Amino acid sequence: MACTERMAVTSGVISGTTDLSMICPPARGADEAGGQFSVFTGPAFPDDASTKVTCTVR
């Protein structure tokens, strides 16, 4: 399930090359291992094009 923006660890607007940094989140409960994340992308406005996003875990 996607989180809401207020629950996001980080967010940003991609323009050219953009670096976003975050620390992997801790477990939320006994049944969730923690350290997992998802990346959601999409245009900001209906007439905008989607942008290719490449992620590198360091």
C-alpha atoms as a PDB file:
ATOM      1  CA  MET A   1       0.000   0.000   0.000  1.00  0.00           C
ATOM      2  CA  ALA A   2       1.338   3.429  -0.889  1.00  0.00           C
ATOM      3  CA  CYS A   3       1.991   5.839   1.956  1.00  0.00           C
ATOM      4  CA  THR A   4       0.672   9.367   2.075  1.00  0.00           C
ATOM      5  CA  GLU A   5       3.076  12.253   1.426  1.00  0.00           C
ATOM      6  CA  ARG A   6       3.107  13.196   5.116  1.00  0.00           C
ATOM      7  CA  MET A   7       4.382   9.677   5.928  1.00  0.00           C
ATOM      8  CA  ALA A   8       7.069   9.732   3.201  1.00  0.00           C
ATOM      9  CA  VAL A   9      10.706   9.439   4.269  1.00  0.00           C
ATOM     10  CA  THR A  10      11.643  11.832   1.456  1.00  0.00           C
ATOM     11  CA  SER A  11      10.102  13.347  -1.653  1.00  0.00           C
ATOM     12  CA  GLY A  12      11.242  15.667  -4.396  1.00  0.00           C
ATOM     13  CA  VAL A  13      10.629  17.126  -7.804  1.00  0.00           C
ATOM     14  CA  ILE A  14      12.908  15.650 -10.457  1.00  0.00           C
ATOM     15  CA  SER A  15      14.438  18.175 -12.837  1.00  0.00           C
ATOM     16  CA  GLY A  16      17.428  16.926 -14.823  1.00  0.00           C
ATOM     17  CA  THR A  17      19.706  15.009 -12.471  1.00  0.00           C
ATOM     18  CA  THR A  18      18.393  15.157  -8.909  1.00  0.00           C
ATOM     19  CA  ASP A  19      19.795  13.397  -5.838  1.00  0.00           C
ATOM     20  CA  LEU A  20      17.469  12.420  -3.010  1.00  0.00           C
ATOM     21  CA  SER A  21      18.890  10.875   0.150  1.00  0.00           C
ATOM     22  CA  MET A  22      17.172   8.885   2.873  1.00  0.00           C
ATOM     23  CA  ILE A  23      17.870   6.445   5.656  1.00  0.00           C
ATOM     24  CA  CYS A  24      15.996   3.160   5.325  1.00  0.00           C
ATOM     25  CA  PRO A  25      13.037   3.127   7.716  1.00  0.00           C
ATOM     26  CA  PRO A  26      12.912   0.901  10.806  1.00  0.00           C
ATOM     27  CA  ALA A  27      10.374  -1.900  11.179  1.00  0.00           C
ATOM     28  CA  ARG A  28       6.820  -0.730  11.827  1.00  0.00           C
ATOM     29  CA  GLY A  29       5.881  -3.856  13.757  1.00  0.00           C
ATOM     30  CA  ALA A  30       6.802  -7.461  14.525  1.00  0.00           C
ATOM     31  CA  ASP A  31       5.572  -8.716  11.129  1.00  0.00           C
ATOM     32  CA  GLU A  32       7.466  -6.146   9.018  1.00  0.00           C
ATOM     33  CA  ALA A  33      11.223  -6.415   8.591  1.00  0.00           C
ATOM     34  CA  GLY A  34      11.954  -2.709   8.030  1.00  0.00           C
ATOM     35  CA  GLY A  35      14.521  -1.259   5.666  1.00  0.00           C
ATOM     36  CA  GLN A  36      12.211  -1.547   2.677  1.00  0.00           C
ATOM     37  CA  PHE A  37      11.113   1.330   0.493  1.00  0.00           C
ATOM     38  CA  SER A  38       9.225   2.072  -2.711  1.00  0.00           C
ATOM     39  CA  VAL A  39       9.653   4.732  -5.351  1.00  0.00           C
ATOM     40  CA  PHE A  40       6.573   6.255  -6.943  1.00  0.00           C
ATOM     41  CA  THR A  41       6.813   8.462 -10.019  1.00  0.00           C
ATOM     42  CA  GLY A  42       4.365  10.437 -12.109  1.00  0.00           C
ATOM     43  CA  PRO A  43       3.856  13.772 -13.794  1.00  0.00           C
ATOM     44  CA  ALA A  44       3.023  16.744 -11.581  1.00  0.00           C
ATOM     45  CA  PHE A  45       0.278  17.992 -13.902  1.00  0.00           C
ATOM     46  CA  PRO A  46      -1.969  16.211 -16.428  1.00  0.00           C
ATOM     47  CA  ASP A  47      -0.223  17.801 -19.442  1.00  0.00           C
ATOM     48  CA  ASP A  48       3.308  16.938 -18.184  1.00  0.00           C
ATOM     49  CA  ALA A  49       5.216  13.943 -19.516  1.00  0.00           C
ATOM     50  CA  SER A  50       6.492  11.167 -17.256  1.00  0.00           C
ATOM     51  CA  THR A  51      10.223  11.136 -16.508  1.00  0.00           C
ATOM     52  CA  LYS A  52      12.469   8.072 -16.392  1.00  0.00           C
ATOM     53  CA  VAL A  53      13.849   7.567 -12.877  1.00  0.00           C
ATOM     54  CA  THR A  54      16.948   5.529 -12.080  1.00  0.00           C
ATOM     55  CA  CYS A  55      17.698   4.579  -8.464  1.00  0.00           C
ATOM     56  CA  THR A  56      21.090   3.735  -7.015  1.00  0.00           C
ATOM     57  CA  VAL A  57      21.336   2.286  -3.516  1.00  0.00           C
ATOM     58  CA  ARG A  58      24.586   3.289  -1.814  1.00  0.00           C
END
